[in-house]
PDB file of N, CA and C in Angstrom:
ATOM      1  N   MET A   1     113.754 -35.099   7.219  1.00  0.00           N
ATOM      2  CA  MET A   1     112.796 -34.264   6.536  1.00  0.00           C
ATOM      3  C   MET A   1     112.382 -34.965   5.239  1.00  0.00           C
ATOM      4  N   THR A   2     111.109 -34.833   4.908  1.00  0.00           N
ATOM      5  CA  THR A   2     110.598 -35.436   3.675  1.00  0.00           C
ATOM      6  C   THR A   2     110.122 -34.340   2.726  1.00  0.00           C
ATOM      7  N   ALA A   3     110.040 -34.693   1.475  1.00  0.00           N
ATOM      8  CA  ALA A   3     109.570 -33.733   0.470  1.00  0.00           C
ATOM      9  C   ALA A   3     108.160 -33.273   0.824  1.00  0.00           C
ATOM     10  N   GLY A   4     107.937 -31.963   0.754  1.00  0.00           N
ATOM     11  CA  GLY A   4     106.621 -31.400   1.040  1.00  0.00           C
ATOM     12  C   GLY A   4     106.398 -31.059   2.499  1.00  0.00           C
ATOM     13  N   GLN A   5     107.360 -31.383   3.352  1.00  0.00           N
ATOM     14  CA  GLN A   5     107.230 -31.085   4.776  1.00  0.00           C
ATOM     15  C   GLN A   5     107.344 -29.582   5.002  1.00  0.00           C
ATOM     16  N   LEU A   6     106.517 -29.061   5.898  1.00  0.00           N
ATOM     17  CA  LEU A   6     106.523 -27.634   6.206  1.00  0.00           C
ATOM     18  C   LEU A   6     107.797 -27.258   6.944  1.00  0.00           C
ATOM     19  N   LEU A   7     108.555 -26.315   6.400  1.00  0.00           N
ATOM     20  CA  LEU A   7     109.785 -25.842   7.029  1.00  0.00           C
ATOM     21  C   LEU A   7     109.560 -24.551   7.800  1.00  0.00           C
ATOM     22  N   ALA A   8     108.736 -23.658   7.250  1.00  0.00           N
ATOM     23  CA  ALA A   8     108.467 -22.374   7.895  1.00  0.00           C
ATOM     24  C   ALA A   8     107.152 -21.814   7.376  1.00  0.00           C
ATOM     25  N   GLU A   9     106.524 -21.025   8.227  1.00  0.00           N
ATOM     26  CA  GLU A   9     105.305 -20.330   7.809  1.00  0.00           C
ATOM     27  C   GLU A   9     105.504 -18.847   8.099  1.00  0.00           C
ATOM     28  N   ILE A  10     105.360 -18.039   7.080  1.00  0.00           N
ATOM     29  CA  ILE A  10     105.589 -16.601   7.166  1.00  0.00           C
ATOM     30  C   ILE A  10     104.255 -15.916   7.436  1.00  0.00           C
ATOM     31  N   GLU A  11     104.244 -15.053   8.442  1.00  0.00           N
ATOM     32  CA  GLU A  11     103.024 -14.303   8.741  1.00  0.00           C
ATOM     33  C   GLU A  11     102.898 -13.143   7.769  1.00  0.00           C
ATOM     34  N   THR A  12     101.696 -12.958   7.242  1.00  0.00           N
ATOM     35  CA  THR A  12     101.449 -11.900   6.262  1.00  0.00           C
ATOM     36  C   THR A  12     100.184 -11.119   6.634  1.00  0.00           C
ATOM     37  N   PRO A  13     100.217 -10.360   7.720  1.00  0.00           N
ATOM     38  CA  PRO A  13      98.995  -9.664   8.144  1.00  0.00           C
ATOM     39  C   PRO A  13      98.489  -8.642   7.133  1.00  0.00           C
ATOM     40  N   GLU A  14      99.413  -7.957   6.435  1.00  0.00           N
ATOM     41  CA  GLU A  14      98.973  -6.966   5.449  1.00  0.00           C
ATOM     42  C   GLU A  14      98.260  -7.641   4.287  1.00  0.00           C
ATOM     43  N   LEU A  15      98.809  -8.753   3.844  1.00  0.00           N
ATOM     44  CA  LEU A  15      98.208  -9.497   2.742  1.00  0.00           C
ATOM     45  C   LEU A  15      96.850 -10.051   3.153  1.00  0.00           C
ATOM     46  N   ASP A  16      96.763 -10.571   4.370  1.00  0.00           N
ATOM     47  CA  ASP A  16      95.485 -11.091   4.871  1.00  0.00           C
ATOM     48  C   ASP A  16      94.440  -9.984   4.921  1.00  0.00           C
ATOM     49  N   GLN A  17      94.842  -8.802   5.351  1.00  0.00           N
ATOM     50  CA  GLN A  17      93.925  -7.658   5.415  1.00  0.00           C
ATOM     51  C   GLN A  17      93.464  -7.245   4.023  1.00  0.00           C
ATOM     52  N   GLU A  18      94.395  -7.198   3.078  1.00  0.00           N
ATOM     53  CA  GLU A  18      94.035  -6.853   1.698  1.00  0.00           C
ATOM     54  C   GLU A  18      93.036  -7.850   1.126  1.00  0.00           C
ATOM     55  N   LEU A  19      93.257  -9.133   1.412  1.00  0.00           N
ATOM     56  CA  LEU A  19      92.355 -10.170   0.914  1.00  0.00           C
ATOM     57  C   LEU A  19      90.965 -10.013   1.511  1.00  0.00           C
ATOM     58  N   GLN A  20      90.878  -9.731   2.798  1.00  0.00           N
ATOM     59  CA  GLN A  20      89.579  -9.518   3.436  1.00  0.00           C
ATOM     60  C   GLN A  20      88.861  -8.313   2.846  1.00  0.00           C
ATOM     61  N   GLU A  21      89.608  -7.249   2.593  1.00  0.00           N
ATOM     62  CA  GLU A  21      89.008  -6.046   2.000  1.00  0.00           C
ATOM     63  C   GLU A  21      88.486  -6.334   0.597  1.00  0.00           C
ATOM     64  N   ALA A  22      89.255  -7.066  -0.186  1.00  0.00           N
ATOM     65  CA  ALA A  22      88.829  -7.403  -1.549  1.00  0.00           C
ATOM     66  C   ALA A  22      87.587  -8.281  -1.520  1.00  0.00           C
ATOM     67  N   GLN A  23      87.527  -9.216  -0.581  1.00  0.00           N
ATOM     68  CA  GLN A  23      86.347 -10.074  -0.472  1.00  0.00           C
ATOM     69  C   GLN A  23      85.125  -9.265  -0.054  1.00  0.00           C
ATOM     70  N   ALA A  24      85.327  -8.288   0.823  1.00  0.00           N
ATOM     71  CA  ALA A  24      84.218  -7.418   1.226  1.00  0.00           C
ATOM     72  C   ALA A  24      83.749  -6.574   0.042  1.00  0.00           C
ATOM     73  N   ARG A  25      84.710  -6.039  -0.743  1.00  0.00           N
ATOM     74  CA  ARG A  25      84.334  -5.262  -1.942  1.00  0.00           C
ATOM     75  C   ARG A  25      83.550  -6.123  -2.922  1.00  0.00           C
ATOM     76  N   SER A  26      83.921  -7.389  -3.015  1.00  0.00           N
ATOM     77  CA  SER A  26      83.196  -8.300  -3.906  1.00  0.00           C
ATOM     78  C   SER A  26      81.731  -8.392  -3.489  1.00  0.00           C
ATOM     79  N   GLY A  27      81.486  -8.503  -2.195  1.00  0.00           N
ATOM     80  CA  GLY A  27      80.108  -8.543  -1.699  1.00  0.00           C
ATOM     81  C   GLY A  27      79.364  -7.258  -1.988  1.00  0.00           C
ATOM     82  N   GLN A  28      80.033  -6.127  -1.800  1.00  0.00           N
ATOM     83  CA  GLN A  28      79.409  -4.831  -2.082  1.00  0.00           C
ATOM     84  C   GLN A  28      79.054  -4.716  -3.563  1.00  0.00           C
ATOM     85  N   ILE A  29      79.963  -5.133  -4.409  1.00  0.00           N
ATOM     86  CA  ILE A  29      79.720  -5.044  -5.853  1.00  0.00           C
ATOM     87  C   ILE A  29      78.555  -5.931  -6.253  1.00  0.00           C
ATOM     88  N   ARG A  30      78.463  -7.111  -5.670  1.00  0.00           N
ATOM     89  CA  ARG A  30      77.334  -8.009  -5.984  1.00  0.00           C
ATOM     90  C   ARG A  30      75.998  -7.363  -5.605  1.00  0.00           C
ATOM     91  N   VAL A  31      75.954  -6.747  -4.427  1.00  0.00           N
ATOM     92  CA  VAL A  31      74.722  -6.074  -3.995  1.00  0.00           C
ATOM     93  C   VAL A  31      74.417  -4.895  -4.910  1.00  0.00           C
ATOM     94  N   ASN A  32      75.435  -4.078  -5.220  1.00  0.00           N
ATOM     95  CA  ASN A  32      75.235  -2.939  -6.115  1.00  0.00           C
ATOM     96  C   ASN A  32      74.804  -3.380  -7.502  1.00  0.00           C
ATOM     97  N   MET A  33      75.313  -4.527  -7.946  1.00  0.00           N
ATOM     98  CA  MET A  33      74.932  -5.040  -9.259  1.00  0.00           C
ATOM     99  C   MET A  33      73.448  -5.429  -9.266  1.00  0.00           C
ATOM    100  N   GLU A  34      72.984  -6.018  -8.176  1.00  0.00           N
ATOM    101  CA  GLU A  34      71.571  -6.391  -8.097  1.00  0.00           C
ATOM    102  C   GLU A  34      70.683  -5.153  -8.053  1.00  0.00           C
ATOM    103  N   VAL A  35      71.085  -4.141  -7.313  1.00  0.00           N
ATOM    104  CA  VAL A  35      70.318  -2.884  -7.259  1.00  0.00           C
ATOM    105  C   VAL A  35      70.289  -2.238  -8.638  1.00  0.00           C
ATOM    106  N   ALA A  36      71.431  -2.230  -9.324  1.00  0.00           N
ATOM    107  CA  ALA A  36      71.495  -1.643 -10.669  1.00  0.00           C
ATOM    108  C   ALA A  36      70.619  -2.427 -11.645  1.00  0.00           C
ATOM    109  N   ARG A  37      70.563  -3.758 -11.493  1.00  0.00           N
ATOM    110  CA  ARG A  37      69.713  -4.572 -12.369  1.00  0.00           C
ATOM    111  C   ARG A  37      68.242  -4.234 -12.158  1.00  0.00           C
ATOM    112  N   VAL A  38      67.827  -4.170 -10.894  1.00  0.00           N
ATOM    113  CA  VAL A  38      66.431  -3.854 -10.581  1.00  0.00           C
ATOM    114  C   VAL A  38      66.074  -2.459 -11.104  1.00  0.00           C
ATOM    115  N   THR A  39      66.961  -1.506 -10.890  1.00  0.00           N
ATOM    116  CA  THR A  39      66.716  -0.135 -11.355  1.00  0.00           C
ATOM    117  C   THR A  39      66.610  -0.082 -12.879  1.00  0.00           C
ATOM    118  N   ALA A  40      67.525  -0.762 -13.565  1.00  0.00           N
ATOM    119  CA  ALA A  40      67.489  -0.784 -15.039  1.00  0.00           C
ATOM    120  C   ALA A  40      66.193  -1.418 -15.530  1.00  0.00           C
ATOM    121  N   ASP A  41      65.776  -2.496 -14.891  1.00  0.00           N
ATOM    122  CA  ASP A  41      64.518  -3.152 -15.294  1.00  0.00           C
ATOM    123  C   ASP A  41      63.318  -2.230 -15.090  1.00  0.00           C
ATOM    124  N   ARG A  42      63.317  -1.511 -13.993  1.00  0.00           N
ATOM    125  CA  ARG A  42      62.207  -0.577 -13.728  1.00  0.00           C
ATOM    126  C   ARG A  42      62.166   0.537 -14.774  1.00  0.00           C
ATOM    127  N   TYR A  43      63.321   1.083 -15.070  1.00  0.00           N
ATOM    128  CA  TYR A  43      63.374   2.163 -16.065  1.00  0.00           C
ATOM    129  C   TYR A  43      62.950   1.649 -17.444  1.00  0.00           C
ATOM    130  N   ARG A  44      63.361   0.441 -17.779  1.00  0.00           N
ATOM    131  CA  ARG A  44      62.941  -0.140 -19.077  1.00  0.00           C
ATOM    132  C   ARG A  44      61.430  -0.308 -19.123  1.00  0.00           C
ATOM    133  N   SER A  45      60.843  -0.752 -18.001  1.00  0.00           N
ATOM    134  CA  SER A  45      59.402  -1.021 -18.000  1.00  0.00           C
ATOM    135  C   SER A  45      58.562   0.246 -18.122  1.00  0.00           C
ATOM    136  N   VAL A  46      59.056   1.374 -17.612  1.00  0.00           N
ATOM    137  CA  VAL A  46      58.271   2.613 -17.705  1.00  0.00           C
ATOM    138  C   VAL A  46      58.656   3.457 -18.913  1.00  0.00           C
ATOM    139  N   GLN A  47      59.656   3.025 -19.661  1.00  0.00           N
ATOM    140  CA  GLN A  47      60.070   3.774 -20.844  1.00  0.00           C
ATOM    141  C   GLN A  47      58.961   3.804 -21.884  1.00  0.00           C
ATOM    142  N   SER A  48      58.251   2.698 -22.043  1.00  0.00           N
ATOM    143  CA  SER A  48      57.183   2.650 -23.049  1.00  0.00           C
ATOM    144  C   SER A  48      56.030   3.593 -22.702  1.00  0.00           C
ATOM    145  N   GLN A  49      55.881   3.922 -21.441  1.00  0.00           N
ATOM    146  CA  GLN A  49      54.833   4.855 -21.004  1.00  0.00           C
ATOM    147  C   GLN A  49      55.324   6.303 -21.047  1.00  0.00           C
ATOM    148  N   GLU A  50      56.547   6.490 -21.521  1.00  0.00           N
ATOM    149  CA  GLU A  50      57.178   7.801 -21.613  1.00  0.00           C
ATOM    150  C   GLU A  50      57.253   8.503 -20.256  1.00  0.00           C
ATOM    151  N   ALA A  51      57.437   7.707 -19.198  1.00  0.00           N
ATOM    152  CA  ALA A  51      57.580   8.264 -17.855  1.00  0.00           C
ATOM    153  C   ALA A  51      59.009   8.733 -17.600  1.00  0.00           C
ATOM    154  N   VAL A  52      59.931   8.182 -18.363  1.00  0.00           N
ATOM    155  CA  VAL A  52      61.345   8.577 -18.242  1.00  0.00           C
ATOM    156  C   VAL A  52      61.899   8.779 -19.645  1.00  0.00           C
ATOM    157  N   SER A  53      62.958   9.558 -19.713  1.00  0.00           N
ATOM    158  CA  SER A  53      63.558   9.816 -21.018  1.00  0.00           C
ATOM    159  C   SER A  53      64.448   8.643 -21.439  1.00  0.00           C
ATOM    160  N   PRO A  54      64.661   8.488 -22.743  1.00  0.00           N
ATOM    161  CA  PRO A  54      65.571   7.435 -23.215  1.00  0.00           C
ATOM    162  C   PRO A  54      66.977   7.595 -22.639  1.00  0.00           C
ATOM    163  N   GLN A  55      67.383   8.840 -22.414  1.00  0.00           N
ATOM    164  CA  GLN A  55      68.699   9.095 -21.825  1.00  0.00           C
ATOM    165  C   GLN A  55      68.807   8.474 -20.435  1.00  0.00           C
ATOM    166  N   GLU A  56      67.774   8.644 -19.623  1.00  0.00           N
ATOM    167  CA  GLU A  56      67.784   8.077 -18.272  1.00  0.00           C
ATOM    168  C   GLU A  56      67.828   6.553 -18.312  1.00  0.00           C
ATOM    169  N   VAL A  57      67.088   5.979 -19.232  1.00  0.00           N
ATOM    170  CA  VAL A  57      67.094   4.517 -19.378  1.00  0.00           C
ATOM    171  C   VAL A  57      68.488   4.047 -19.773  1.00  0.00           C
ATOM    172  N   ASP A  58      69.102   4.735 -20.731  1.00  0.00           N
ATOM    173  CA  ASP A  58      70.452   4.372 -21.166  1.00  0.00           C
ATOM    174  C   ASP A  58      71.452   4.469 -20.011  1.00  0.00           C
ATOM    175  N   GLU A  59      71.320   5.499 -19.190  1.00  0.00           N
ATOM    176  CA  GLU A  59      72.226   5.662 -18.053  1.00  0.00           C
ATOM    177  C   GLU A  59      72.075   4.519 -17.055  1.00  0.00           C
ATOM    178  N   LYS A  60      70.845   4.154 -16.754  1.00  0.00           N
ATOM    179  CA  LYS A  60      70.593   3.079 -15.783  1.00  0.00           C
ATOM    180  C   LYS A  60      71.039   1.726 -16.334  1.00  0.00           C
ATOM    181  N   VAL A  61      70.770   1.478 -17.590  1.00  0.00           N
ATOM    182  CA  VAL A  61      71.187   0.221 -18.211  1.00  0.00           C
ATOM    183  C   VAL A  61      72.720   0.173 -18.298  1.00  0.00           C
ATOM    184  N   GLY A  62      73.338   1.277 -18.642  1.00  0.00           N
ATOM    185  CA  GLY A  62      74.802   1.343 -18.707  1.00  0.00           C
ATOM    186  C   GLY A  62      75.443   1.111 -17.351  1.00  0.00           C
ATOM    187  N   ALA A  63      74.844   1.683 -16.312  1.00  0.00           N
ATOM    188  CA  ALA A  63      75.362   1.476 -14.961  1.00  0.00           C
ATOM    189  C   ALA A  63      75.294   0.001 -14.576  1.00  0.00           C
ATOM    190  N   TYR A  64      74.201  -0.658 -14.962  1.00  0.00           N
ATOM    191  CA  TYR A  64      74.070  -2.089 -14.673  1.00  0.00           C
ATOM    192  C   TYR A  64      75.076  -2.912 -15.478  1.00  0.00           C
ATOM    193  N   GLU A  65      75.250  -2.589 -16.731  1.00  0.00           N
ATOM    194  CA  GLU A  65      76.155  -3.363 -17.590  1.00  0.00           C
ATOM    195  C   GLU A  65      77.623  -3.180 -17.215  1.00  0.00           C
ATOM    196  N   ALA A  66      77.957  -2.104 -16.508  1.00  0.00           N
ATOM    197  CA  ALA A  66      79.338  -1.881 -16.069  1.00  0.00           C
ATOM    198  C   ALA A  66      79.689  -2.689 -14.822  1.00  0.00           C
ATOM    199  N   ARG A  67      78.709  -3.113 -14.077  1.00  0.00           N
ATOM    200  CA  ARG A  67      78.953  -3.826 -12.817  1.00  0.00           C
ATOM    201  C   ARG A  67      79.689  -5.147 -12.999  1.00  0.00           C
ATOM    202  N   PRO A  68      79.391  -5.974 -14.007  1.00  0.00           N
ATOM    203  CA  PRO A  68      80.152  -7.224 -14.152  1.00  0.00           C
ATOM    204  C   PRO A  68      81.655  -6.994 -14.341  1.00  0.00           C
ATOM    205  N   ALA A  69      82.033  -5.896 -14.976  1.00  0.00           N
ATOM    206  CA  ALA A  69      83.455  -5.590 -15.131  1.00  0.00           C
ATOM    207  C   ALA A  69      84.076  -5.257 -13.774  1.00  0.00           C
ATOM    208  N   ASP A  70      83.333  -4.542 -12.927  1.00  0.00           N
ATOM    209  CA  ASP A  70      83.818  -4.249 -11.580  1.00  0.00           C
ATOM    210  C   ASP A  70      84.015  -5.543 -10.795  1.00  0.00           C
ATOM    211  N   LEU A  71      83.055  -6.452 -10.922  1.00  0.00           N
ATOM    212  CA  LEU A  71      83.129  -7.730 -10.222  1.00  0.00           C
ATOM    213  C   LEU A  71      84.306  -8.561 -10.728  1.00  0.00           C
ATOM    214  N   ALA A  72      84.507  -8.581 -12.024  1.00  0.00           N
ATOM    215  CA  ALA A  72      85.631  -9.340 -12.593  1.00  0.00           C
ATOM    216  C   ALA A  72      86.966  -8.785 -12.095  1.00  0.00           C
ATOM    217  N   ALA A  73      87.066  -7.470 -11.985  1.00  0.00           N
ATOM    218  CA  ALA A  73      88.306  -6.850 -11.516  1.00  0.00           C
ATOM    219  C   ALA A  73      88.601  -7.234 -10.075  1.00  0.00           C
ATOM    220  N   VAL A  74      87.596  -7.193  -9.224  1.00  0.00           N
ATOM    221  CA  VAL A  74      87.839  -7.532  -7.819  1.00  0.00           C
ATOM    222  C   VAL A  74      88.088  -9.030  -7.660  1.00  0.00           C
ATOM    223  N   GLN A  75      87.451  -9.861  -8.486  1.00  0.00           N
ATOM    224  CA  GLN A  75      87.715 -11.300  -8.427  1.00  0.00           C
ATOM    225  C   GLN A  75      89.143 -11.611  -8.874  1.00  0.00           C
ATOM    226  N   ALA A  76      89.647 -10.890  -9.847  1.00  0.00           N
ATOM    227  CA  ALA A  76      91.035 -11.070 -10.275  1.00  0.00           C
ATOM    228  C   ALA A  76      91.982 -10.656  -9.159  1.00  0.00           C
ATOM    229  N   GLN A  77      91.644  -9.600  -8.449  1.00  0.00           N
ATOM    230  CA  GLN A  77      92.466  -9.162  -7.330  1.00  0.00           C
ATOM    231  C   GLN A  77      92.458 -10.215  -6.219  1.00  0.00           C
ATOM    232  N   ILE A  78      91.300 -10.786  -5.930  1.00  0.00           N
ATOM    233  CA  ILE A  78      91.200 -11.831  -4.913  1.00  0.00           C
ATOM    234  C   ILE A  78      92.058 -13.026  -5.304  1.00  0.00           C
ATOM    235  N   LYS A  79      91.991 -13.424  -6.557  1.00  0.00           N
ATOM    236  CA  LYS A  79      92.784 -14.565  -7.026  1.00  0.00           C
ATOM    237  C   LYS A  79      94.278 -14.279  -6.889  1.00  0.00           C
ATOM    238  N   ARG A  80      94.688 -13.074  -7.253  1.00  0.00           N
ATOM    239  CA  ARG A  80      96.102 -12.691  -7.139  1.00  0.00           C
ATOM    240  C   ARG A  80      96.558 -12.742  -5.688  1.00  0.00           C
ATOM    241  N   LEU A  81      95.744 -12.225  -4.774  1.00  0.00           N
ATOM    242  CA  LEU A  81      96.107 -12.222  -3.361  1.00  0.00           C
ATOM    243  C   LEU A  81      96.150 -13.636  -2.788  1.00  0.00           C
ATOM    244  N   GLN A  82      95.244 -14.492  -3.234  1.00  0.00           N
ATOM    245  CA  GLN A  82      95.263 -15.875  -2.771  1.00  0.00           C
ATOM    246  C   GLN A  82      96.506 -16.607  -3.271  1.00  0.00           C
ATOM    247  N   GLU A  83      96.924 -16.294  -4.487  1.00  0.00           N
ATOM    248  CA  GLU A  83      98.146 -16.904  -5.014  1.00  0.00           C
ATOM    249  C   GLU A  83      99.370 -16.410  -4.252  1.00  0.00           C
ATOM    250  N   LEU A  84      99.409 -15.131  -3.909  1.00  0.00           N
ATOM    251  CA  LEU A  84     100.504 -14.598  -3.106  1.00  0.00           C
ATOM    252  C   LEU A  84     100.532 -15.230  -1.720  1.00  0.00           C
ATOM    253  N   ARG A  85      99.355 -15.477  -1.192  1.00  0.00           N
ATOM    254  CA  ARG A  85      99.243 -16.069   0.138  1.00  0.00           C
ATOM    255  C   ARG A  85      99.850 -17.475   0.176  1.00  0.00           C
ATOM    256  N   ALA A  86      99.839 -18.158  -0.939  1.00  0.00           N
ATOM    257  CA  ALA A  86     100.408 -19.507  -1.001  1.00  0.00           C
ATOM    258  C   ALA A  86     101.911 -19.488  -0.715  1.00  0.00           C
ATOM    259  N   PHE A  87     102.563 -18.359  -0.919  1.00  0.00           N
ATOM    260  CA  PHE A  87     104.008 -18.256  -0.679  1.00  0.00           C
ATOM    261  C   PHE A  87     104.360 -18.127   0.796  1.00  0.00           C
ATOM    262  N   GLN A  88     103.360 -18.020   1.664  1.00  0.00           N
ATOM    263  CA  GLN A  88     103.674 -17.883   3.081  1.00  0.00           C
ATOM    264  C   GLN A  88     104.071 -19.216   3.708  1.00  0.00           C
ATOM    265  N   ARG A  89     103.842 -20.305   3.012  1.00  0.00           N
ATOM    266  CA  ARG A  89     104.245 -21.635   3.505  1.00  0.00           C
ATOM    267  C   ARG A  89     105.478 -22.097   2.722  1.00  0.00           C
ATOM    268  N   VAL A  90     106.573 -22.314   3.443  1.00  0.00           N
ATOM    269  CA  VAL A  90     107.814 -22.784   2.835  1.00  0.00           C
ATOM    270  C   VAL A  90     107.917 -24.276   3.121  1.00  0.00           C
ATOM    271  N   VAL A  91     107.934 -25.082   2.054  1.00  0.00           N
ATOM    272  CA  VAL A  91     108.001 -26.537   2.217  1.00  0.00           C
ATOM    273  C   VAL A  91     109.284 -27.071   1.595  1.00  0.00           C
ATOM    274  N   ALA A  92     109.689 -28.228   2.072  1.00  0.00           N
ATOM    275  CA  ALA A  92     110.905 -28.866   1.565  1.00  0.00           C
ATOM    276  C   ALA A  92     110.678 -29.310   0.125  1.00  0.00           C
ATOM    277  N   PRO A  93     111.575 -28.953  -0.778  1.00  0.00           N
ATOM    278  CA  PRO A  93     111.405 -29.339  -2.177  1.00  0.00           C
ATOM    279  C   PRO A  93     111.738 -30.815  -2.426  1.00  0.00           C
ATOM    280  N   PHE A  94     112.520 -31.408  -1.534  1.00  0.00           N
ATOM    281  CA  PHE A  94     112.901 -32.822  -1.676  1.00  0.00           C
ATOM    282  C   PHE A  94     113.268 -33.369  -0.302  1.00  0.00           C
ATOM    283  N   SER A  95     113.346 -34.676  -0.197  1.00  0.00           N
ATOM    284  CA  SER A  95     113.730 -35.320   1.060  1.00  0.00           C
ATOM    285  C   SER A  95     115.219 -35.166   1.292  1.00  0.00           C
ATOM    286  N   GLY A  96     115.596 -35.066   2.563  1.00  0.00           N
ATOM    287  CA  GLY A  96     117.002 -34.937   2.896  1.00  0.00           C
ATOM    288  C   GLY A  96     117.194 -34.439   4.307  1.00  0.00           C
ATOM    289  N   THR A  97     118.406 -33.989   4.590  1.00  0.00           N
ATOM    290  CA  THR A  97     118.748 -33.482   5.901  1.00  0.00           C
ATOM    291  C   THR A  97     119.145 -32.015   5.768  1.00  0.00           C
ATOM    292  N   ILE A  98     118.625 -31.200   6.671  1.00  0.00           N
ATOM    293  CA  ILE A  98     118.973 -29.790   6.679  1.00  0.00           C
ATOM    294  C   ILE A  98     120.244 -29.632   7.497  1.00  0.00           C
ATOM    295  N   THR A  99     121.258 -29.047   6.891  1.00  0.00           N
ATOM    296  CA  THR A  99     122.523 -28.838   7.609  1.00  0.00           C
ATOM    297  C   THR A  99     122.658 -27.394   8.073  1.00  0.00           C
ATOM    298  N   ALA A 100     122.001 -26.473   7.374  1.00  0.00           N
ATOM    299  CA  ALA A 100     122.049 -25.069   7.770  1.00  0.00           C
ATOM    300  C   ALA A 100     120.829 -24.350   7.224  1.00  0.00           C
ATOM    301  N   ARG A 101     120.334 -23.400   7.998  1.00  0.00           N
ATOM    302  CA  ARG A 101     119.216 -22.546   7.543  1.00  0.00           C
ATOM    303  C   ARG A 101     119.707 -21.122   7.509  1.00  0.00           C
ATOM    304  N   ASN A 102     119.513 -20.454   6.397  1.00  0.00           N
ATOM    305  CA  ASN A 102     119.922 -19.058   6.255  1.00  0.00           C
ATOM    306  C   ASN A 102     118.728 -18.188   6.019  1.00  0.00           C
TER     307      ASN A 102
END
């Protein structure tokens, strides 16, 4: 056996599922962020014509500005899950001979 050689691979179906769900949420958040941006821009453009109240504009702009925080949270979760996934591969820490596996 040599250092870095794969000794065992642990199956992690729950972790894989969580990672897929987080990646899907990331896509949803990106789409929602774009919709919120377009909506905020529209409300800003008609605010000068007094077609909407300042309160409505603030709500739409606030909803858009909150989306990057949602995206950052899900990206942090994805990174954490990917780091956990790295533990599913057990490799030899150094070269040598295996005399027993427990």
